[in-house]
Amino acid sequence: MTPTDDKSRAETREQYRFLIINLCRITGAIMLVVGLAVIAREAFGLPKALGFGLFLVGMIGFMLVPVLLSKRWKSTPDK
């Protein structure tokens, strides 16, 4: 394997990780908005309790999951 192959694999892996982190944020934001709509207006015919659950899970998905993933995937600097 050549050094350029290793570099391109590392770049691809980093791109996938970036994509996953952003998908977690987008999914969490959507869950937050839907949860707030259910809480405020009982949208989609869902009970308020489910709205609070969606809001809580969305908040965790939006704020905590990306931070935990980035800490887990943080690379060590090459010396």
PDB file of N, CA and C in Angstrom:
ATOM      1  N   MET A   1       0.832  -1.169   0.000  1.00  0.00           N
ATOM      2  CA  MET A   1       0.000   0.000   0.000  1.00  0.00           C
ATOM      3  C   MET A   1       0.886   1.244   0.000  1.00  0.00           C
ATOM      4  N   THR A   2       0.518   2.203  -0.786  1.00  0.00           N
ATOM      5  CA  THR A   2       1.312   3.426  -0.872  1.00  0.00           C
ATOM      6  C   THR A   2       0.807   4.436   0.137  1.00  0.00           C
ATOM      7  N   PRO A   3       1.644   5.409   0.477  1.00  0.00           N
ATOM      8  CA  PRO A   3       1.206   6.433   1.429  1.00  0.00           C
ATOM      9  C   PRO A   3      -0.011   7.220   0.943  1.00  0.00           C
ATOM     10  N   THR A   4      -0.151   7.408  -0.370  1.00  0.00           N
ATOM     11  CA  THR A   4      -1.317   8.152  -0.864  1.00  0.00           C
ATOM     12  C   THR A   4      -2.599   7.369  -0.648  1.00  0.00           C
ATOM     13  N   ASP A   5      -2.529   6.020  -0.741  1.00  0.00           N
ATOM     14  CA  ASP A   5      -3.709   5.205  -0.459  1.00  0.00           C
ATOM     15  C   ASP A   5      -4.145   5.352   0.994  1.00  0.00           C
ATOM     16  N   ASP A   6      -3.167   5.338   1.913  1.00  0.00           N
ATOM     17  CA  ASP A   6      -3.486   5.527   3.329  1.00  0.00           C
ATOM     18  C   ASP A   6      -4.101   6.896   3.566  1.00  0.00           C
ATOM     19  N   LYS A   7      -3.557   7.906   2.900  1.00  0.00           N
ATOM     20  CA  LYS A   7      -4.070   9.268   3.080  1.00  0.00           C
ATOM     21  C   LYS A   7      -5.490   9.389   2.540  1.00  0.00           C
ATOM     22  N   SER A   8      -5.745   8.802   1.377  1.00  0.00           N
ATOM     23  CA  SER A   8      -7.086   8.897   0.804  1.00  0.00           C
ATOM     24  C   SER A   8      -8.094   8.118   1.648  1.00  0.00           C
ATOM     25  N   ARG A   9      -7.681   6.993   2.212  1.00  0.00           N
ATOM     26  CA  ARG A   9      -8.577   6.254   3.100  1.00  0.00           C
ATOM     27  C   ARG A   9      -8.889   7.045   4.355  1.00  0.00           C
ATOM     28  N   ALA A  10      -7.890   7.708   4.899  1.00  0.00           N
ATOM     29  CA  ALA A  10      -8.103   8.525   6.094  1.00  0.00           C
ATOM     30  C   ALA A  10      -9.041   9.682   5.783  1.00  0.00           C
ATOM     31  N   GLU A  11      -8.871  10.310   4.620  1.00  0.00           N
ATOM     32  CA  GLU A  11      -9.746  11.412   4.238  1.00  0.00           C
ATOM     33  C   GLU A  11     -11.173  10.937   4.043  1.00  0.00           C
ATOM     34  N   THR A  12     -11.340   9.774   3.431  1.00  0.00           N
ATOM     35  CA  THR A  12     -12.681   9.220   3.238  1.00  0.00           C
ATOM     36  C   THR A  12     -13.329   8.908   4.578  1.00  0.00           C
ATOM     37  N   ARG A  13     -12.565   8.319   5.491  1.00  0.00           N
ATOM     38  CA  ARG A  13     -13.094   8.011   6.814  1.00  0.00           C
ATOM     39  C   ARG A  13     -13.511   9.282   7.534  1.00  0.00           C
ATOM     40  N   GLU A  14     -12.724  10.339   7.427  1.00  0.00           N
ATOM     41  CA  GLU A  14     -13.058  11.602   8.071  1.00  0.00           C
ATOM     42  C   GLU A  14     -14.303  12.236   7.452  1.00  0.00           C
ATOM     43  N   GLN A  15     -14.463  12.084   6.152  1.00  0.00           N
ATOM     44  CA  GLN A  15     -15.652  12.622   5.491  1.00  0.00           C
ATOM     45  C   GLN A  15     -16.905  11.893   5.960  1.00  0.00           C
ATOM     46  N   TYR A  16     -16.831  10.574   6.100  1.00  0.00           N
ATOM     47  CA  TYR A  16     -17.967   9.815   6.598  1.00  0.00           C
ATOM     48  C   TYR A  16     -18.303  10.192   8.041  1.00  0.00           C
ATOM     49  N   ARG A  17     -17.293  10.390   8.839  1.00  0.00           N
ATOM     50  CA  ARG A  17     -17.536  10.786  10.236  1.00  0.00           C
ATOM     51  C   ARG A  17     -18.185  12.163  10.306  1.00  0.00           C
ATOM     52  N   PHE A  18     -17.722  13.078   9.475  1.00  0.00           N
ATOM     53  CA  PHE A  18     -18.313  14.408   9.415  1.00  0.00           C
ATOM     54  C   PHE A  18     -19.775  14.317   8.988  1.00  0.00           C
ATOM     55  N   LEU A  19     -20.061  13.465   8.010  1.00  0.00           N
ATOM     56  CA  LEU A  19     -21.421  13.280   7.534  1.00  0.00           C
ATOM     57  C   LEU A  19     -22.310  12.713   8.640  1.00  0.00           C
ATOM     58  N   ILE A  20     -21.828  11.733   9.364  1.00  0.00           N
ATOM     59  CA  ILE A  20     -22.614  11.121  10.434  1.00  0.00           C
ATOM     60  C   ILE A  20     -22.910  12.128  11.536  1.00  0.00           C
ATOM     61  N   ILE A  21     -21.925  12.922  11.917  1.00  0.00           N
ATOM     62  CA  ILE A  21     -22.135  13.926  12.957  1.00  0.00           C
ATOM     63  C   ILE A  21     -23.185  14.939  12.519  1.00  0.00           C
ATOM     64  N   ASN A  22     -23.115  15.381  11.271  1.00  0.00           N
ATOM     65  CA  ASN A  22     -24.097  16.351  10.793  1.00  0.00           C
ATOM     66  C   ASN A  22     -25.484  15.743  10.634  1.00  0.00           C
ATOM     67  N   LEU A  23     -25.559  14.477  10.251  1.00  0.00           N
ATOM     68  CA  LEU A  23     -26.861  13.821  10.188  1.00  0.00           C
ATOM     69  C   LEU A  23     -27.491  13.703  11.578  1.00  0.00           C
ATOM     70  N   CYS A  24     -26.675  13.469  12.594  1.00  0.00           N
ATOM     71  CA  CYS A  24     -27.187  13.437  13.972  1.00  0.00           C
ATOM     72  C   CYS A  24     -27.755  14.795  14.357  1.00  0.00           C
ATOM     73  N   ARG A  25     -27.053  15.854  13.990  1.00  0.00           N
ATOM     74  CA  ARG A  25     -27.538  17.198  14.307  1.00  0.00           C
ATOM     75  C   ARG A  25     -28.835  17.520  13.574  1.00  0.00           C
ATOM     76  N   ILE A  26     -28.901  17.186  12.292  1.00  0.00           N
ATOM     77  CA  ILE A  26     -30.102  17.471  11.505  1.00  0.00           C
ATOM     78  C   ILE A  26     -31.292  16.672  12.026  1.00  0.00           C
ATOM     79  N   THR A  27     -31.073  15.392  12.311  1.00  0.00           N
ATOM     80  CA  THR A  27     -32.145  14.551  12.839  1.00  0.00           C
ATOM     81  C   THR A  27     -32.623  15.070  14.189  1.00  0.00           C
ATOM     82  N   GLY A  28     -31.690  15.468  15.039  1.00  0.00           N
ATOM     83  CA  GLY A  28     -32.065  16.025  16.342  1.00  0.00           C
ATOM     84  C   GLY A  28     -32.852  17.310  16.200  1.00  0.00           C
ATOM     85  N   ALA A  29     -32.468  18.171  15.260  1.00  0.00           N
ATOM     86  CA  ALA A  29     -33.196  19.426  15.051  1.00  0.00           C
ATOM     87  C   ALA A  29     -34.610  19.163  14.549  1.00  0.00           C
ATOM     88  N   ILE A  30     -34.766  18.193  13.656  1.00  0.00           N
ATOM     89  CA  ILE A  30     -36.100  17.857  13.161  1.00  0.00           C
ATOM     90  C   ILE A  30     -36.964  17.315  14.292  1.00  0.00           C
ATOM     91  N   MET A  31     -36.390  16.464  15.135  1.00  0.00           N
ATOM     92  CA  MET A  31     -37.144  15.919  16.268  1.00  0.00           C
ATOM     93  C   MET A  31     -37.534  17.024  17.250  1.00  0.00           C
ATOM     94  N   LEU A  32     -36.647  17.989  17.441  1.00  0.00           N
ATOM     95  CA  LEU A  32     -36.973  19.123  18.307  1.00  0.00           C
ATOM     96  C   LEU A  32     -38.173  19.895  17.772  1.00  0.00           C
ATOM     97  N   VAL A  33     -38.169  20.194  16.497  1.00  0.00           N
ATOM     98  CA  VAL A  33     -39.250  20.984  15.898  1.00  0.00           C
ATOM     99  C   VAL A  33     -40.569  20.214  15.951  1.00  0.00           C
ATOM    100  N   VAL A  34     -40.527  18.933  15.616  1.00  0.00           N
ATOM    101  CA  VAL A  34     -41.751  18.127  15.663  1.00  0.00           C
ATOM    102  C   VAL A  34     -42.246  18.020  17.106  1.00  0.00           C
ATOM    103  N   GLY A  35     -41.336  17.819  18.050  1.00  0.00           N
ATOM    104  CA  GLY A  35     -41.723  17.752  19.455  1.00  0.00           C
ATOM    105  C   GLY A  35     -42.362  19.039  19.936  1.00  0.00           C
ATOM    106  N   LEU A  36     -41.804  20.168  19.542  1.00  0.00           N
ATOM    107  CA  LEU A  36     -42.400  21.446  19.932  1.00  0.00           C
ATOM    108  C   LEU A  36     -43.767  21.647  19.294  1.00  0.00           C
ATOM    109  N   ALA A  37     -43.933  21.215  18.047  1.00  0.00           N
ATOM    110  CA  ALA A  37     -45.233  21.328  17.383  1.00  0.00           C
ATOM    111  C   ALA A  37     -46.278  20.468  18.085  1.00  0.00           C
ATOM    112  N   VAL A  38     -45.876  19.288  18.509  1.00  0.00           N
ATOM    113  CA  VAL A  38     -46.813  18.410  19.214  1.00  0.00           C
ATOM    114  C   VAL A  38     -47.161  18.992  20.583  1.00  0.00           C
ATOM    115  N   ILE A  39     -46.179  19.544  21.271  1.00  0.00           N
ATOM    116  CA  ILE A  39     -46.434  20.135  22.591  1.00  0.00           C
ATOM    117  C   ILE A  39     -47.341  21.352  22.471  1.00  0.00           C
ATOM    118  N   ALA A  40     -47.072  22.215  21.509  1.00  0.00           N
ATOM    119  CA  ALA A  40     -47.810  23.474  21.404  1.00  0.00           C
ATOM    120  C   ALA A  40     -49.221  23.293  20.850  1.00  0.00           C
ATOM    121  N   ARG A  41     -49.365  22.445  19.820  1.00  0.00           N
ATOM    122  CA  ARG A  41     -50.660  22.370  19.133  1.00  0.00           C
ATOM    123  C   ARG A  41     -51.203  20.960  18.976  1.00  0.00           C
ATOM    124  N   GLU A  42     -50.574  20.011  19.610  1.00  0.00           N
ATOM    125  CA  GLU A  42     -50.935  18.610  19.444  1.00  0.00           C
ATOM    126  C   GLU A  42     -51.018  18.269  17.958  1.00  0.00           C
ATOM    127  N   ALA A  43     -49.988  18.659  17.235  1.00  0.00           N
ATOM    128  CA  ALA A  43     -49.911  18.423  15.792  1.00  0.00           C
ATOM    129  C   ALA A  43     -49.835  16.931  15.506  1.00  0.00           C
ATOM    130  N   PHE A  44     -50.256  16.551  14.324  1.00  0.00           N
ATOM    131  CA  PHE A  44     -50.223  15.169  13.841  1.00  0.00           C
ATOM    132  C   PHE A  44     -51.089  14.244  14.682  1.00  0.00           C
ATOM    133  N   GLY A  45     -51.932  14.788  15.534  1.00  0.00           N
ATOM    134  CA  GLY A  45     -52.802  13.967  16.365  1.00  0.00           C
ATOM    135  C   GLY A  45     -52.078  13.179  17.434  1.00  0.00           C
ATOM    136  N   LEU A  46     -50.899  13.637  17.818  1.00  0.00           N
ATOM    137  CA  LEU A  46     -50.094  12.930  18.823  1.00  0.00           C
ATOM    138  C   LEU A  46     -50.303  13.565  20.196  1.00  0.00           C
ATOM    139  N   PRO A  47     -50.238  12.776  21.261  1.00  0.00           N
ATOM    140  CA  PRO A  47     -50.401  13.329  22.608  1.00  0.00           C
ATOM    141  C   PRO A  47     -49.183  14.163  23.028  1.00  0.00           C
ATOM    142  N   LYS A  48     -49.426  15.059  23.973  1.00  0.00           N
ATOM    143  CA  LYS A  48     -48.352  15.941  24.434  1.00  0.00           C
ATOM    144  C   LYS A  48     -47.195  15.167  25.068  1.00  0.00           C
ATOM    145  N   ALA A  49     -47.497  14.064  25.715  1.00  0.00           N
ATOM    146  CA  ALA A  49     -46.431  13.267  26.348  1.00  0.00           C
ATOM    147  C   ALA A  49     -45.429  12.787  25.292  1.00  0.00           C
ATOM    148  N   LEU A  50     -45.927  12.390  24.129  1.00  0.00           N
ATOM    149  CA  LEU A  50     -45.031  11.979  23.059  1.00  0.00           C
ATOM    150  C   LEU A  50     -44.231  13.168  22.543  1.00  0.00           C
ATOM    151  N   GLY A  51     -44.836  14.345  22.543  1.00  0.00           N
ATOM    152  CA  GLY A  51     -44.123  15.554  22.140  1.00  0.00           C
ATOM    153  C   GLY A  51     -42.960  15.858  23.068  1.00  0.00           C
ATOM    154  N   PHE A  52     -43.187  15.696  24.372  1.00  0.00           N
ATOM    155  CA  PHE A  52     -42.096  15.912  25.325  1.00  0.00           C
ATOM    156  C   PHE A  52     -40.978  14.886  25.124  1.00  0.00           C
ATOM    157  N   GLY A  53     -41.369  13.647  24.832  1.00  0.00           N
ATOM    158  CA  GLY A  53     -40.362  12.616  24.562  1.00  0.00           C
ATOM    159  C   GLY A  53     -39.547  12.926  23.314  1.00  0.00           C
ATOM    160  N   LEU A  54     -40.229  13.344  22.240  1.00  0.00           N
ATOM    161  CA  LEU A  54     -39.524  13.720  21.016  1.00  0.00           C
ATOM    162  C   LEU A  54     -38.597  14.899  21.264  1.00  0.00           C
ATOM    163  N   PHE A  55     -39.073  15.865  22.024  1.00  0.00           N
ATOM    164  CA  PHE A  55     -38.255  17.028  22.334  1.00  0.00           C
ATOM    165  C   PHE A  55     -37.001  16.625  23.099  1.00  0.00           C
ATOM    166  N   LEU A  56     -37.141  15.768  24.082  1.00  0.00           N
ATOM    167  CA  LEU A  56     -36.005  15.340  24.893  1.00  0.00           C
ATOM    168  C   LEU A  56     -35.002  14.536  24.067  1.00  0.00           C
ATOM    169  N   VAL A  57     -35.498  13.588  23.289  1.00  0.00           N
ATOM    170  CA  VAL A  57     -34.604  12.778  22.455  1.00  0.00           C
ATOM    171  C   VAL A  57     -33.942  13.652  21.398  1.00  0.00           C
ATOM    172  N   GLY A  58     -34.684  14.603  20.835  1.00  0.00           N
ATOM    173  CA  GLY A  58     -34.113  15.521  19.853  1.00  0.00           C
ATOM    174  C   GLY A  58     -33.031  16.404  20.453  1.00  0.00           C
ATOM    175  N   MET A  59     -33.244  16.849  21.680  1.00  0.00           N
ATOM    176  CA  MET A  59     -32.246  17.674  22.355  1.00  0.00           C
ATOM    177  C   MET A  59     -30.959  16.886  22.584  1.00  0.00           C
ATOM    178  N   ILE A  60     -31.107  15.648  23.012  1.00  0.00           N
ATOM    179  CA  ILE A  60     -29.928  14.804  23.217  1.00  0.00           C
ATOM    180  C   ILE A  60     -29.229  14.549  21.891  1.00  0.00           C
ATOM    181  N   GLY A  61     -30.013  14.232  20.853  1.00  0.00           N
ATOM    182  CA  GLY A  61     -29.431  13.975  19.538  1.00  0.00           C
ATOM    183  C   GLY A  61     -28.777  15.197  18.928  1.00  0.00           C
ATOM    184  N   PHE A  62     -29.289  16.358  19.242  1.00  0.00           N
ATOM    185  CA  PHE A  62     -28.754  17.593  18.670  1.00  0.00           C
ATOM    186  C   PHE A  62     -27.521  18.093  19.414  1.00  0.00           C
ATOM    187  N   MET A  63     -27.514  17.943  20.732  1.00  0.00           N
ATOM    188  CA  MET A  63     -26.445  18.553  21.513  1.00  0.00           C
ATOM    189  C   MET A  63     -25.388  17.568  22.021  1.00  0.00           C
ATOM    190  N   LEU A  64     -25.773  16.405  22.464  1.00  0.00           N
ATOM    191  CA  LEU A  64     -24.812  15.509  23.110  1.00  0.00           C
ATOM    192  C   LEU A  64     -24.160  14.498  22.168  1.00  0.00           C
ATOM    193  N   VAL A  65     -24.941  13.898  21.286  1.00  0.00           N
ATOM    194  CA  VAL A  65     -24.409  12.832  20.431  1.00  0.00           C
ATOM    195  C   VAL A  65     -23.252  13.328  19.556  1.00  0.00           C
ATOM    196  N   PRO A  66     -23.361  14.482  18.869  1.00  0.00           N
ATOM    197  CA  PRO A  66     -22.216  14.928  18.061  1.00  0.00           C
ATOM    198  C   PRO A  66     -20.948  15.177  18.887  1.00  0.00           C
ATOM    199  N   VAL A  67     -21.117  15.699  20.086  1.00  0.00           N
ATOM    200  CA  VAL A  67     -19.951  15.949  20.940  1.00  0.00           C
ATOM    201  C   VAL A  67     -19.302  14.632  21.356  1.00  0.00           C
ATOM    202  N   LEU A  68     -20.125  13.674  21.751  1.00  0.00           N
ATOM    203  CA  LEU A  68     -19.578  12.380  22.160  1.00  0.00           C
ATOM    204  C   LEU A  68     -18.913  11.658  20.993  1.00  0.00           C
ATOM    205  N   LEU A  69     -19.514  11.724  19.814  1.00  0.00           N
ATOM    206  CA  LEU A  69     -18.900  11.090  18.643  1.00  0.00           C
ATOM    207  C   LEU A  69     -17.582  11.750  18.284  1.00  0.00           C
ATOM    208  N   SER A  70     -17.537  13.074  18.317  1.00  0.00           N
ATOM    209  CA  SER A  70     -16.290  13.752  17.948  1.00  0.00           C
ATOM    210  C   SER A  70     -15.182  13.477  18.959  1.00  0.00           C
ATOM    211  N   LYS A  71     -15.525  13.355  20.231  1.00  0.00           N
ATOM    212  CA  LYS A  71     -14.506  13.003  21.222  1.00  0.00           C
ATOM    213  C   LYS A  71     -14.004  11.583  21.004  1.00  0.00           C
ATOM    214  N   ARG A  72     -14.917  10.687  20.662  1.00  0.00           N
ATOM    215  CA  ARG A  72     -14.520   9.300  20.444  1.00  0.00           C
ATOM    216  C   ARG A  72     -13.649   9.162  19.197  1.00  0.00           C
ATOM    217  N   TRP A  73     -13.958   9.935  18.157  1.00  0.00           N
ATOM    218  CA  TRP A  73     -13.255   9.816  16.898  1.00  0.00           C
ATOM    219  C   TRP A  73     -12.079  10.759  16.770  1.00  0.00           C
ATOM    220  N   LYS A  74     -11.791  11.541  17.785  1.00  0.00           N
ATOM    221  CA  LYS A  74     -10.704  12.499  17.685  1.00  0.00           C
ATOM    222  C   LYS A  74      -9.394  11.772  17.422  1.00  0.00           C
ATOM    223  N   SER A  75      -8.705  12.246  16.418  1.00  0.00           N
ATOM    224  CA  SER A  75      -7.429  11.595  16.064  1.00  0.00           C
ATOM    225  C   SER A  75      -6.290  12.228  16.862  1.00  0.00           C
ATOM    226  N   THR A  76      -5.273  11.433  17.080  1.00  0.00           N
ATOM    227  CA  THR A  76      -4.106  11.943  17.764  1.00  0.00           C
ATOM    228  C   THR A  76      -3.183  12.593  16.724  1.00  0.00           C
ATOM    229  N   PRO A  77      -2.551  13.684  17.046  1.00  0.00           N
ATOM    230  CA  PRO A  77      -1.665  14.336  16.074  1.00  0.00           C
ATOM    231  C   PRO A  77      -0.451  13.471  15.757  1.00  0.00           C
ATOM    232  N   ASP A  78      -0.083  13.474  14.500  1.00  0.00           N
ATOM    233  CA  ASP A  78       1.113  12.724  14.086  1.00  0.00           C
ATOM    234  C   ASP A  78       2.354  13.481  14.470  1.00  0.00           C
ATOM    235  N   LYS A  79       3.370  12.748  14.909  1.00  0.00           N
ATOM    236  CA  LYS A  79       4.618  13.407  15.308  1.00  0.00           C
ATOM    237  C   LYS A  79       5.677  13.184  14.268  1.00  0.00           C
TER     238      LYS A  79
END
